[in-house]
Amino acid sequence: MSAPALQAHLRKATGKTDNQRLRRLQKIPAALNGLSGVLHLEMDEEPTRHALEKLTGTHELMPLSVFNADSDTEEWSGKVMLKEVQKHPYKHLLIHLDFRELNTEKPVKLRIPLNVLGEASGVRKGGVMQLAVRDLEVICLPDQIPMSVDVDVSELDLDTILRMEELTIPEGVQLVSKENFVVASIVGRMARMLDSEEEEAAEETPEEATAEA
C-alpha cells in the first residue's frame, strides 16, 4: 500500500500568535526541513490526521505538495519523512508537525525497530525470552528504508542466544555497528532458580546467617 499524499500551503506569518490562530481554524502549523532550507507550512488538521493514521511505519516516505498561500499554484513537491508529531494533551488533534526532506541519492542513518517472529521453543518449555535491543541503527538509501528488521526466534531453545550475525538484514541495508552482540536470549528455569537463590542469599541478614551456622 502506497503512503498517503499530503497537502500544505505556505504560511504568511509565523510565531506563537499565528500558531494559535491556525489551530482555532482547525489547521496545523508545520515545518519542512528541506535540502534548500526550511519552509513554514499550514495544513488542514482533520485530513492530515487521517492520512498519517494510515502510515505503516515510523520511517515511511510520503508525497507532500506545497501550494502558494493565496492560490492553488504548486510551489514545491517531493517525498518527506515525518520527523516529529505534537498532539493535543487530551483532544484527538494534531497541533504541530515537522517533516524532513531526504536526498534520494544519499544514504541516511536511522534506527529501525525489531519485529519478533515466531514462538521460541525454549519459551514453550518454560523459559523466558529476553530482548537485549529493541531497534538497530542502520544506513541505507531513503527508498530502501525498511519498516522493521525481522527476528525469527522460533529455533531458540532454553539457555540459548541469538546474535547479530544470525539476523537477515533487508537488501540494501547495512548495520552501523560491526559488533556481533546478543539480540535475544532464552533464560531457562535453572538459571532463574539460581538467580532467585542468589538474591535470597544477598538479602539474608548477618544474624540469620549466624543462627543457621
N, C-alpha and C. Protein backbone atom coordinates (compact mmCIF):
# COMPACT_ATOMS: atom_id res chain seq x y z
N MET A 1 0.84 -1.20 0.00
CA MET A 1 0.00 0.00 0.00
C MET A 1 0.88 1.25 0.00
N SER A 2 0.60 2.17 -0.92
CA SER A 2 1.41 3.38 -1.03
C SER A 2 1.12 4.33 0.12
N ALA A 3 2.11 5.15 0.43
CA ALA A 3 1.96 6.11 1.52
C ALA A 3 0.95 7.18 1.15
N PRO A 4 0.21 7.71 2.13
CA PRO A 4 -0.79 8.73 1.84
C PRO A 4 -0.15 10.03 1.35
N ALA A 5 -0.85 10.72 0.43
CA ALA A 5 -0.38 12.00 -0.07
C ALA A 5 -0.85 13.12 0.85
N LEU A 6 0.03 14.08 1.08
CA LEU A 6 -0.28 15.20 1.96
C LEU A 6 -0.24 16.51 1.18
N GLN A 7 -1.02 17.48 1.66
CA GLN A 7 -1.03 18.80 1.05
C GLN A 7 -0.84 19.86 2.11
N ALA A 8 -0.15 20.95 1.73
CA ALA A 8 0.09 22.05 2.65
C ALA A 8 0.15 23.35 1.87
N HIS A 9 0.00 24.47 2.58
CA HIS A 9 0.16 25.79 1.99
C HIS A 9 1.27 26.53 2.73
N LEU A 10 1.98 27.39 2.01
CA LEU A 10 2.99 28.22 2.65
C LEU A 10 2.33 29.19 3.61
N ARG A 11 2.97 29.42 4.73
CA ARG A 11 2.42 30.33 5.73
C ARG A 11 2.82 31.77 5.43
N LYS A 12 1.89 32.68 5.68
CA LYS A 12 2.18 34.10 5.52
C LYS A 12 2.90 34.65 6.75
N ALA A 13 2.60 34.09 7.93
CA ALA A 13 3.20 34.58 9.17
C ALA A 13 3.57 33.39 10.05
N THR A 14 4.48 33.63 10.99
CA THR A 14 4.89 32.59 11.92
C THR A 14 4.86 33.15 13.33
N GLY A 15 5.11 32.29 14.30
CA GLY A 15 5.12 32.73 15.69
C GLY A 15 3.97 32.15 16.48
N LYS A 16 4.04 32.32 17.80
CA LYS A 16 3.06 31.75 18.72
C LYS A 16 1.65 32.23 18.44
N THR A 17 1.50 33.53 18.21
CA THR A 17 0.16 34.09 17.97
C THR A 17 -0.47 33.50 16.71
N ASP A 18 0.32 33.38 15.66
CA ASP A 18 -0.22 32.83 14.42
C ASP A 18 -0.49 31.34 14.56
N ASN A 19 0.34 30.63 15.35
CA ASN A 19 0.07 29.21 15.60
C ASN A 19 -1.29 29.02 16.26
N GLN A 20 -1.58 29.86 17.23
CA GLN A 20 -2.87 29.79 17.92
C GLN A 20 -4.02 30.10 16.97
N ARG A 21 -3.80 31.08 16.08
CA ARG A 21 -4.84 31.43 15.11
C ARG A 21 -5.13 30.25 14.19
N LEU A 22 -4.09 29.59 13.72
CA LEU A 22 -4.28 28.45 12.83
C LEU A 22 -5.05 27.34 13.52
N ARG A 23 -4.71 27.06 14.77
CA ARG A 23 -5.38 25.97 15.49
C ARG A 23 -6.86 26.28 15.72
N ARG A 24 -7.19 27.55 15.91
CA ARG A 24 -8.61 27.92 16.04
C ARG A 24 -9.36 27.67 14.74
N LEU A 25 -8.63 27.74 13.63
CA LEU A 25 -9.22 27.49 12.31
C LEU A 25 -9.13 26.02 11.91
N GLN A 26 -8.78 25.16 12.87
CA GLN A 26 -8.63 23.72 12.66
C GLN A 26 -7.55 23.42 11.62
N LYS A 27 -6.45 24.15 11.73
CA LYS A 27 -5.29 23.93 10.88
C LYS A 27 -4.08 23.62 11.77
N ILE A 28 -3.05 23.06 11.14
CA ILE A 28 -1.84 22.67 11.87
C ILE A 28 -0.65 23.50 11.38
N PRO A 29 0.06 24.19 12.26
CA PRO A 29 1.34 24.77 11.86
C PRO A 29 2.35 23.64 11.66
N ALA A 30 3.17 23.75 10.62
CA ALA A 30 4.12 22.69 10.31
C ALA A 30 5.39 23.30 9.73
N ALA A 31 6.44 22.50 9.70
CA ALA A 31 7.71 22.93 9.13
C ALA A 31 8.29 21.81 8.30
N LEU A 32 8.87 22.18 7.16
CA LEU A 32 9.56 21.23 6.30
C LEU A 32 11.04 21.59 6.26
N ASN A 33 11.86 20.73 6.80
CA ASN A 33 13.31 20.92 6.75
C ASN A 33 13.81 20.35 5.43
N GLY A 34 13.86 21.23 4.41
CA GLY A 34 14.21 20.81 3.06
C GLY A 34 15.70 20.91 2.79
N LEU A 35 16.10 20.40 1.63
CA LEU A 35 17.50 20.42 1.25
C LEU A 35 18.00 21.83 0.99
N SER A 36 17.09 22.74 0.64
CA SER A 36 17.48 24.12 0.35
C SER A 36 17.03 25.10 1.42
N GLY A 37 16.53 24.60 2.54
CA GLY A 37 16.11 25.49 3.61
C GLY A 37 14.82 25.02 4.27
N VAL A 38 14.31 25.83 5.18
CA VAL A 38 13.10 25.50 5.94
C VAL A 38 11.90 26.22 5.33
N LEU A 39 10.82 25.45 5.12
CA LEU A 39 9.55 26.03 4.67
C LEU A 39 8.56 25.97 5.83
N HIS A 40 7.91 27.09 6.12
CA HIS A 40 6.88 27.14 7.16
C HIS A 40 5.52 26.92 6.50
N LEU A 41 4.78 25.95 7.01
CA LEU A 41 3.56 25.49 6.35
C LEU A 41 2.36 25.56 7.27
N GLU A 42 1.18 25.45 6.66
CA GLU A 42 -0.05 25.22 7.39
C GLU A 42 -0.82 24.13 6.66
N MET A 43 -1.48 23.26 7.44
CA MET A 43 -2.17 22.10 6.87
C MET A 43 -3.53 21.94 7.53
N ASP A 44 -4.50 21.44 6.79
CA ASP A 44 -5.82 21.16 7.37
C ASP A 44 -5.68 20.00 8.35
N GLU A 45 -6.18 20.19 9.57
CA GLU A 45 -5.94 19.22 10.61
C GLU A 45 -6.58 17.86 10.34
N GLU A 46 -7.88 17.82 10.09
CA GLU A 46 -8.57 16.54 10.00
C GLU A 46 -8.08 15.64 8.87
N PRO A 47 -8.00 16.11 7.61
CA PRO A 47 -7.50 15.21 6.56
C PRO A 47 -6.04 14.81 6.76
N THR A 48 -5.23 15.69 7.33
CA THR A 48 -3.83 15.35 7.60
C THR A 48 -3.73 14.26 8.66
N ARG A 49 -4.52 14.41 9.72
CA ARG A 49 -4.51 13.40 10.80
C ARG A 49 -4.95 12.04 10.25
N HIS A 50 -6.00 12.01 9.46
CA HIS A 50 -6.48 10.74 8.90
C HIS A 50 -5.43 10.12 7.98
N ALA A 51 -4.73 10.95 7.22
CA ALA A 51 -3.70 10.43 6.31
C ALA A 51 -2.54 9.83 7.09
N LEU A 52 -2.12 10.49 8.16
CA LEU A 52 -0.98 9.99 8.94
C LEU A 52 -1.34 8.72 9.70
N GLU A 53 -2.60 8.54 10.03
CA GLU A 53 -3.03 7.32 10.71
C GLU A 53 -2.89 6.09 9.83
N LYS A 54 -2.74 6.30 8.52
CA LYS A 54 -2.61 5.19 7.58
C LYS A 54 -1.16 4.76 7.37
N LEU A 55 -0.24 5.49 7.96
CA LEU A 55 1.17 5.12 7.82
C LEU A 55 1.42 3.74 8.42
N THR A 56 2.24 2.96 7.76
CA THR A 56 2.53 1.60 8.24
C THR A 56 3.86 1.53 8.98
N GLY A 57 4.64 2.59 8.96
CA GLY A 57 5.93 2.59 9.66
C GLY A 57 6.36 4.00 10.02
N THR A 58 7.21 4.10 11.04
CA THR A 58 7.62 5.42 11.52
C THR A 58 8.56 6.12 10.55
N HIS A 59 9.20 5.36 9.65
CA HIS A 59 10.16 5.96 8.72
C HIS A 59 9.64 5.93 7.28
N GLU A 60 8.37 5.81 7.11
CA GLU A 60 7.82 5.70 5.76
C GLU A 60 7.86 7.05 5.06
N LEU A 61 8.29 7.05 3.80
CA LEU A 61 8.29 8.27 3.00
C LEU A 61 6.91 8.50 2.42
N MET A 62 6.50 9.77 2.38
CA MET A 62 5.18 10.10 1.86
C MET A 62 5.28 11.33 0.95
N PRO A 63 4.46 11.39 -0.12
CA PRO A 63 4.49 12.55 -1.00
C PRO A 63 3.82 13.76 -0.36
N LEU A 64 4.45 14.92 -0.51
CA LEU A 64 3.91 16.17 0.02
C LEU A 64 3.93 17.22 -1.08
N SER A 65 2.80 17.91 -1.26
CA SER A 65 2.69 19.01 -2.21
C SER A 65 2.46 20.30 -1.43
N VAL A 66 3.23 21.33 -1.74
CA VAL A 66 3.13 22.62 -1.07
C VAL A 66 2.65 23.67 -2.07
N PHE A 67 1.59 24.37 -1.72
CA PHE A 67 0.99 25.35 -2.61
C PHE A 67 1.19 26.77 -2.09
N ASN A 68 1.02 27.72 -3.01
CA ASN A 68 1.09 29.13 -2.66
C ASN A 68 0.03 29.47 -1.63
N ALA A 69 0.33 30.43 -0.76
CA ALA A 69 -0.60 30.79 0.31
C ALA A 69 -1.91 31.36 -0.20
N ASP A 70 -1.91 31.98 -1.38
CA ASP A 70 -3.12 32.66 -1.88
C ASP A 70 -3.73 32.00 -3.11
N SER A 71 -3.13 30.92 -3.57
CA SER A 71 -3.64 30.29 -4.79
C SER A 71 -3.37 28.80 -4.74
N ASP A 72 -3.75 28.12 -5.82
CA ASP A 72 -3.50 26.69 -5.91
C ASP A 72 -2.25 26.39 -6.72
N THR A 73 -1.38 27.38 -6.87
CA THR A 73 -0.14 27.18 -7.59
C THR A 73 0.82 26.33 -6.75
N GLU A 74 1.29 25.24 -7.32
CA GLU A 74 2.20 24.37 -6.58
C GLU A 74 3.59 24.98 -6.52
N GLU A 75 4.10 25.15 -5.31
CA GLU A 75 5.42 25.75 -5.10
C GLU A 75 6.52 24.71 -4.90
N TRP A 76 6.15 23.55 -4.37
CA TRP A 76 7.14 22.50 -4.09
C TRP A 76 6.42 21.17 -3.98
N SER A 77 7.11 20.11 -4.37
CA SER A 77 6.57 18.76 -4.18
C SER A 77 7.72 17.78 -4.05
N GLY A 78 7.51 16.74 -3.32
CA GLY A 78 8.54 15.73 -3.13
C GLY A 78 8.13 14.75 -2.06
N LYS A 79 9.03 13.83 -1.72
CA LYS A 79 8.75 12.86 -0.68
C LYS A 79 9.45 13.27 0.61
N VAL A 80 8.73 13.13 1.71
CA VAL A 80 9.25 13.57 3.00
C VAL A 80 9.06 12.47 4.04
N MET A 81 9.80 12.61 5.14
CA MET A 81 9.66 11.72 6.28
C MET A 81 9.13 12.54 7.46
N LEU A 82 8.22 11.96 8.20
CA LEU A 82 7.69 12.62 9.38
C LEU A 82 8.75 12.57 10.47
N LYS A 83 9.20 13.74 10.91
CA LYS A 83 10.27 13.82 11.89
C LYS A 83 9.74 13.92 13.31
N GLU A 84 8.70 14.71 13.51
CA GLU A 84 8.15 14.90 14.86
C GLU A 84 6.67 15.23 14.77
N VAL A 85 5.91 14.68 15.72
CA VAL A 85 4.47 14.94 15.82
C VAL A 85 4.16 15.46 17.21
N GLN A 86 3.45 16.57 17.28
CA GLN A 86 2.97 17.06 18.57
C GLN A 86 1.45 16.96 18.59
N LYS A 87 0.92 16.36 19.66
CA LYS A 87 -0.51 16.14 19.77
C LYS A 87 -1.09 16.94 20.93
N HIS A 88 -2.37 17.24 20.83
CA HIS A 88 -3.06 17.92 21.92
C HIS A 88 -3.05 17.02 23.15
N PRO A 89 -2.85 17.57 24.36
CA PRO A 89 -2.74 16.73 25.56
C PRO A 89 -3.97 15.87 25.87
N TYR A 90 -5.16 16.31 25.47
CA TYR A 90 -6.32 15.48 25.77
C TYR A 90 -7.35 15.39 24.63
N LYS A 91 -7.23 16.23 23.62
CA LYS A 91 -8.11 16.13 22.46
C LYS A 91 -7.43 15.31 21.36
N HIS A 92 -8.23 14.68 20.54
CA HIS A 92 -7.69 13.87 19.45
C HIS A 92 -7.35 14.79 18.27
N LEU A 93 -6.32 15.62 18.47
CA LEU A 93 -5.93 16.61 17.47
C LEU A 93 -4.41 16.68 17.36
N LEU A 94 -3.95 17.00 16.15
CA LEU A 94 -2.54 17.30 15.93
C LEU A 94 -2.33 18.80 16.09
N ILE A 95 -1.23 19.21 16.73
CA ILE A 95 -1.02 20.64 16.93
C ILE A 95 0.27 21.14 16.28
N HIS A 96 1.17 20.25 15.87
CA HIS A 96 2.35 20.69 15.13
C HIS A 96 3.02 19.48 14.48
N LEU A 97 3.58 19.71 13.28
CA LEU A 97 4.26 18.64 12.56
C LEU A 97 5.59 19.15 12.03
N ASP A 98 6.58 18.27 12.04
CA ASP A 98 7.88 18.55 11.43
C ASP A 98 8.17 17.47 10.41
N PHE A 99 8.51 17.90 9.19
CA PHE A 99 8.86 16.98 8.11
C PHE A 99 10.32 17.17 7.71
N ARG A 100 10.88 16.13 7.13
CA ARG A 100 12.26 16.17 6.68
C ARG A 100 12.35 15.67 5.24
N GLU A 101 12.96 16.47 4.38
CA GLU A 101 13.21 16.04 3.01
C GLU A 101 14.54 15.31 2.95
N LEU A 102 14.57 14.17 2.28
CA LEU A 102 15.78 13.38 2.18
C LEU A 102 16.32 13.41 0.76
N ASN A 103 17.63 13.46 0.66
CA ASN A 103 18.29 13.35 -0.64
C ASN A 103 18.21 11.88 -1.08
N THR A 104 17.49 11.61 -2.15
CA THR A 104 17.25 10.23 -2.57
C THR A 104 18.52 9.50 -2.98
N GLU A 105 19.61 10.25 -3.24
CA GLU A 105 20.85 9.63 -3.67
C GLU A 105 21.89 9.54 -2.55
N LYS A 106 21.50 9.99 -1.36
CA LYS A 106 22.43 9.99 -0.24
C LYS A 106 21.94 9.06 0.86
N PRO A 107 22.77 8.13 1.33
CA PRO A 107 22.34 7.23 2.42
C PRO A 107 22.01 8.01 3.69
N VAL A 108 21.05 7.49 4.43
CA VAL A 108 20.62 8.11 5.68
C VAL A 108 20.82 7.11 6.82
N LYS A 109 21.18 7.63 7.99
CA LYS A 109 21.38 6.79 9.16
C LYS A 109 20.16 6.94 10.09
N LEU A 110 19.58 5.84 10.52
CA LEU A 110 18.40 5.89 11.39
C LEU A 110 18.24 4.56 12.12
N ARG A 111 17.35 4.55 13.10
CA ARG A 111 17.12 3.35 13.91
C ARG A 111 15.83 2.68 13.43
N ILE A 112 15.91 1.36 13.21
CA ILE A 112 14.79 0.58 12.70
C ILE A 112 14.34 -0.40 13.79
N PRO A 113 13.03 -0.47 14.10
CA PRO A 113 12.56 -1.38 15.14
C PRO A 113 12.67 -2.84 14.74
N LEU A 114 12.82 -3.70 15.74
CA LEU A 114 12.84 -5.15 15.51
C LEU A 114 11.42 -5.70 15.53
N ASN A 115 11.18 -6.69 14.68
CA ASN A 115 9.88 -7.36 14.60
C ASN A 115 10.07 -8.83 14.93
N VAL A 116 9.67 -9.24 16.13
CA VAL A 116 9.89 -10.61 16.59
C VAL A 116 8.87 -11.55 15.93
N LEU A 117 9.39 -12.62 15.34
CA LEU A 117 8.55 -13.60 14.66
C LEU A 117 8.65 -14.96 15.36
N GLY A 118 7.52 -15.65 15.45
CA GLY A 118 7.50 -17.00 15.97
C GLY A 118 7.52 -17.05 17.49
N GLU A 119 7.33 -18.27 18.00
CA GLU A 119 7.42 -18.54 19.43
C GLU A 119 8.60 -19.45 19.69
N ALA A 120 9.50 -19.01 20.54
CA ALA A 120 10.71 -19.78 20.82
C ALA A 120 10.37 -21.12 21.46
N SER A 121 11.06 -22.17 21.02
CA SER A 121 10.84 -23.50 21.61
C SER A 121 11.18 -23.49 23.09
N GLY A 122 12.17 -22.68 23.49
CA GLY A 122 12.53 -22.58 24.90
C GLY A 122 11.44 -21.97 25.76
N VAL A 123 10.65 -21.09 25.18
CA VAL A 123 9.53 -20.49 25.91
C VAL A 123 8.46 -21.54 26.17
N ARG A 124 8.22 -22.41 25.18
CA ARG A 124 7.24 -23.48 25.36
C ARG A 124 7.67 -24.46 26.45
N LYS A 125 8.98 -24.52 26.73
CA LYS A 125 9.49 -25.41 27.77
C LYS A 125 9.58 -24.73 29.13
N GLY A 126 9.11 -23.49 29.20
CA GLY A 126 9.10 -22.80 30.49
C GLY A 126 10.11 -21.68 30.63
N GLY A 127 10.91 -21.42 29.59
CA GLY A 127 11.88 -20.34 29.64
C GLY A 127 11.25 -18.98 29.38
N VAL A 128 12.03 -17.96 29.54
CA VAL A 128 11.58 -16.59 29.32
C VAL A 128 12.47 -15.93 28.27
N MET A 129 11.85 -15.34 27.25
CA MET A 129 12.64 -14.66 26.21
C MET A 129 12.97 -13.24 26.66
N GLN A 130 14.23 -12.86 26.44
CA GLN A 130 14.68 -11.52 26.77
C GLN A 130 15.28 -10.87 25.53
N LEU A 131 14.78 -9.68 25.18
CA LEU A 131 15.32 -8.92 24.06
C LEU A 131 16.37 -7.96 24.59
N ALA A 132 17.59 -8.08 24.08
CA ALA A 132 18.66 -7.19 24.52
C ALA A 132 18.54 -5.81 23.88
N VAL A 133 17.96 -5.75 22.68
CA VAL A 133 17.77 -4.47 21.97
C VAL A 133 16.37 -4.46 21.37
N ARG A 134 15.84 -3.27 21.15
CA ARG A 134 14.52 -3.10 20.56
C ARG A 134 14.58 -2.57 19.13
N ASP A 135 15.74 -2.01 18.76
CA ASP A 135 15.91 -1.50 17.40
C ASP A 135 17.38 -1.57 17.02
N LEU A 136 17.66 -1.34 15.74
CA LEU A 136 19.02 -1.40 15.23
C LEU A 136 19.31 -0.13 14.44
N GLU A 137 20.54 0.39 14.56
CA GLU A 137 20.94 1.54 13.77
C GLU A 137 21.47 1.05 12.43
N VAL A 138 20.91 1.60 11.36
CA VAL A 138 21.28 1.15 10.01
C VAL A 138 21.58 2.34 9.12
N ILE A 139 22.18 2.05 7.96
CA ILE A 139 22.42 3.03 6.90
C ILE A 139 21.86 2.47 5.61
N CYS A 140 21.09 3.30 4.89
CA CYS A 140 20.54 2.87 3.60
C CYS A 140 20.05 4.09 2.83
N LEU A 141 19.73 3.91 1.57
CA LEU A 141 19.14 4.97 0.77
C LEU A 141 17.69 5.17 1.20
N PRO A 142 17.15 6.38 1.05
CA PRO A 142 15.78 6.65 1.50
C PRO A 142 14.72 5.71 0.94
N ASP A 143 14.87 5.30 -0.33
CA ASP A 143 13.85 4.43 -0.91
C ASP A 143 14.03 2.96 -0.52
N GLN A 144 15.02 2.67 0.32
CA GLN A 144 15.24 1.30 0.78
C GLN A 144 15.06 1.17 2.30
N ILE A 145 14.50 2.19 2.93
CA ILE A 145 14.30 2.15 4.38
C ILE A 145 13.27 1.07 4.73
N PRO A 146 13.63 0.07 5.51
CA PRO A 146 12.66 -0.98 5.89
C PRO A 146 11.78 -0.52 7.04
N MET A 147 10.58 -1.05 7.11
CA MET A 147 9.69 -0.73 8.22
C MET A 147 10.19 -1.36 9.51
N SER A 148 10.84 -2.53 9.38
CA SER A 148 11.36 -3.23 10.56
C SER A 148 12.38 -4.26 10.09
N VAL A 149 13.10 -4.82 11.06
CA VAL A 149 14.02 -5.94 10.81
C VAL A 149 13.46 -7.16 11.53
N ASP A 150 13.18 -8.21 10.77
CA ASP A 150 12.58 -9.41 11.35
C ASP A 150 13.59 -10.20 12.19
N VAL A 151 13.11 -10.68 13.33
CA VAL A 151 13.92 -11.52 14.22
C VAL A 151 13.15 -12.81 14.48
N ASP A 152 13.56 -13.89 13.82
CA ASP A 152 12.88 -15.18 13.98
C ASP A 152 13.48 -15.90 15.20
N VAL A 153 12.66 -16.05 16.23
CA VAL A 153 13.14 -16.67 17.48
C VAL A 153 12.61 -18.09 17.65
N SER A 154 11.96 -18.63 16.64
CA SER A 154 11.29 -19.93 16.80
C SER A 154 12.26 -21.07 17.11
N GLU A 155 13.54 -20.96 16.71
CA GLU A 155 14.51 -22.03 16.96
C GLU A 155 15.28 -21.86 18.26
N LEU A 156 15.01 -20.79 18.99
CA LEU A 156 15.75 -20.56 20.24
C LEU A 156 15.28 -21.52 21.33
N ASP A 157 16.20 -22.27 21.89
CA ASP A 157 15.88 -23.23 22.95
C ASP A 157 16.28 -22.64 24.30
N LEU A 158 16.08 -23.41 25.36
CA LEU A 158 16.45 -22.97 26.70
C LEU A 158 17.94 -22.63 26.77
N ASP A 159 18.24 -21.50 27.42
CA ASP A 159 19.61 -21.06 27.65
C ASP A 159 20.42 -20.91 26.36
N THR A 160 19.77 -20.41 25.31
CA THR A 160 20.46 -20.11 24.05
C THR A 160 20.29 -18.64 23.71
N ILE A 161 21.15 -18.17 22.80
CA ILE A 161 21.13 -16.76 22.42
C ILE A 161 21.08 -16.61 20.91
N LEU A 162 20.63 -15.44 20.47
CA LEU A 162 20.61 -15.09 19.04
C LEU A 162 21.46 -13.84 18.88
N ARG A 163 22.46 -13.92 17.98
CA ARG A 163 23.37 -12.80 17.78
C ARG A 163 23.09 -12.07 16.47
N MET A 164 23.74 -10.92 16.34
CA MET A 164 23.52 -10.06 15.18
C MET A 164 23.76 -10.79 13.86
N GLU A 165 24.83 -11.57 13.77
CA GLU A 165 25.20 -12.22 12.51
C GLU A 165 24.15 -13.23 12.04
N GLU A 166 23.23 -13.60 12.91
CA GLU A 166 22.20 -14.57 12.55
C GLU A 166 20.94 -13.91 11.99
N LEU A 167 20.88 -12.58 12.03
CA LEU A 167 19.71 -11.88 11.52
C LEU A 167 19.77 -11.78 10.00
N THR A 168 18.60 -11.70 9.38
CA THR A 168 18.50 -11.47 7.94
C THR A 168 18.21 -9.99 7.74
N ILE A 169 19.21 -9.26 7.27
CA ILE A 169 19.08 -7.81 7.07
C ILE A 169 18.55 -7.56 5.66
N PRO A 170 17.56 -6.68 5.50
CA PRO A 170 16.99 -6.41 4.17
C PRO A 170 18.05 -5.95 3.17
N GLU A 171 17.83 -6.25 1.92
CA GLU A 171 18.77 -5.90 0.86
C GLU A 171 18.95 -4.38 0.79
N GLY A 172 20.18 -3.95 0.61
CA GLY A 172 20.47 -2.52 0.50
C GLY A 172 20.64 -1.82 1.84
N VAL A 173 20.51 -2.58 2.94
CA VAL A 173 20.60 -2.01 4.29
C VAL A 173 21.88 -2.53 4.96
N GLN A 174 22.61 -1.62 5.60
CA GLN A 174 23.82 -2.00 6.31
C GLN A 174 23.71 -1.62 7.78
N LEU A 175 24.22 -2.49 8.65
CA LEU A 175 24.24 -2.20 10.07
C LEU A 175 25.38 -1.23 10.38
N VAL A 176 25.12 -0.27 11.26
CA VAL A 176 26.15 0.68 11.65
C VAL A 176 27.19 -0.01 12.52
N SER A 177 26.75 -0.79 13.49
CA SER A 177 27.66 -1.48 14.40
C SER A 177 28.23 -2.74 13.75
N LYS A 178 29.51 -2.95 13.95
CA LYS A 178 30.16 -4.16 13.45
C LYS A 178 30.26 -5.24 14.54
N GLU A 179 29.79 -4.91 15.72
CA GLU A 179 29.87 -5.84 16.85
C GLU A 179 28.78 -6.91 16.73
N ASN A 180 29.16 -8.15 16.97
CA ASN A 180 28.22 -9.26 16.89
C ASN A 180 27.56 -9.47 18.26
N PHE A 181 26.79 -8.47 18.68
CA PHE A 181 26.22 -8.53 20.03
C PHE A 181 24.95 -9.37 20.08
N VAL A 182 24.52 -9.69 21.30
CA VAL A 182 23.34 -10.51 21.51
C VAL A 182 22.08 -9.69 21.25
N VAL A 183 21.16 -10.27 20.49
CA VAL A 183 19.88 -9.63 20.20
C VAL A 183 18.78 -10.17 21.12
N ALA A 184 18.74 -11.48 21.28
CA ALA A 184 17.71 -12.11 22.11
C ALA A 184 18.28 -13.35 22.78
N SER A 185 17.68 -13.74 23.88
CA SER A 185 18.11 -14.94 24.59
C SER A 185 16.92 -15.57 25.30
N ILE A 186 17.05 -16.86 25.59
CA ILE A 186 16.03 -17.58 26.36
C ILE A 186 16.65 -17.97 27.69
N VAL A 187 16.12 -17.40 28.76
CA VAL A 187 16.60 -17.71 30.10
C VAL A 187 15.84 -18.93 30.61
N GLY A 188 16.58 -20.00 30.92
CA GLY A 188 15.96 -21.25 31.34
C GLY A 188 15.51 -21.23 32.79
N ARG A 189 14.76 -22.26 33.18
CA ARG A 189 14.24 -22.34 34.54
C ARG A 189 15.35 -22.47 35.57
N MET A 190 16.41 -23.23 35.26
CA MET A 190 17.50 -23.41 36.20
C MET A 190 18.21 -22.08 36.46
N ALA A 191 18.42 -21.30 35.41
CA ALA A 191 19.07 -20.01 35.58
C ALA A 191 18.24 -19.09 36.46
N ARG A 192 16.93 -19.14 36.29
CA ARG A 192 16.05 -18.29 37.11
C ARG A 192 16.09 -18.75 38.57
N MET A 193 16.16 -20.07 38.81
CA MET A 193 16.22 -20.59 40.17
C MET A 193 17.51 -20.16 40.86
N LEU A 194 18.64 -20.20 40.13
CA LEU A 194 19.92 -19.79 40.70
C LEU A 194 19.92 -18.31 41.01
N ASP A 195 19.34 -17.51 40.10
CA ASP A 195 19.25 -16.07 40.33
C ASP A 195 18.44 -15.79 41.59
N SER A 196 17.33 -16.53 41.75
CA SER A 196 16.48 -16.33 42.91
C SER A 196 17.21 -16.69 44.20
N GLU A 197 17.98 -17.79 44.18
CA GLU A 197 18.73 -18.20 45.36
C GLU A 197 19.80 -17.18 45.72
N GLU A 198 20.46 -16.60 44.70
CA GLU A 198 21.48 -15.59 44.95
C GLU A 198 20.88 -14.33 45.55
N GLU A 199 19.68 -13.95 45.06
CA GLU A 199 19.02 -12.77 45.59
C GLU A 199 18.63 -13.00 47.05
N GLU A 200 18.12 -14.21 47.38
CA GLU A 200 17.74 -14.51 48.76
C GLU A 200 18.96 -14.49 49.68
N ALA A 201 20.10 -15.02 49.19
CA ALA A 201 21.31 -15.03 50.00
C ALA A 201 21.82 -13.62 50.25
N ALA A 202 21.70 -12.75 49.25
CA ALA A 202 22.15 -11.37 49.40
C ALA A 202 21.30 -10.61 50.39
N GLU A 203 19.99 -10.99 50.48
CA GLU A 203 19.08 -10.30 51.40
C GLU A 203 19.17 -10.84 52.82
N GLU A 204 19.86 -11.96 53.05
CA GLU A 204 19.94 -12.58 54.36
C GLU A 204 20.75 -11.70 55.32
N THR A 205 20.24 -11.47 56.51
CA THR A 205 20.91 -10.62 57.49
C THR A 205 22.04 -11.38 58.16
N PRO A 206 23.06 -10.66 58.73
CA PRO A 206 24.15 -11.35 59.45
C PRO A 206 23.64 -12.21 60.58
N GLU A 207 22.57 -11.77 61.29
CA GLU A 207 22.02 -12.54 62.41
C GLU A 207 21.46 -13.87 61.92
N GLU A 208 20.78 -13.83 60.75
CA GLU A 208 20.19 -15.05 60.20
C GLU A 208 21.30 -16.02 59.79
N ALA A 209 22.36 -15.50 59.21
CA ALA A 209 23.47 -16.35 58.78
C ALA A 209 24.14 -17.01 59.96
N THR A 210 24.30 -16.26 61.08
CA THR A 210 24.92 -16.80 62.29
C THR A 210 24.05 -17.89 62.91
N ALA A 211 22.73 -17.66 62.94
CA ALA A 211 21.81 -18.63 63.52
C ALA A 211 21.84 -19.93 62.75
N GLU A 212 21.88 -19.82 61.38
CA GLU A 212 21.90 -21.04 60.58
C GLU A 212 23.21 -21.79 60.78
N ALA A 213 24.32 -21.06 61.00
CA ALA A 213 25.62 -21.72 61.22
C ALA A 213 25.61 -22.47 62.53
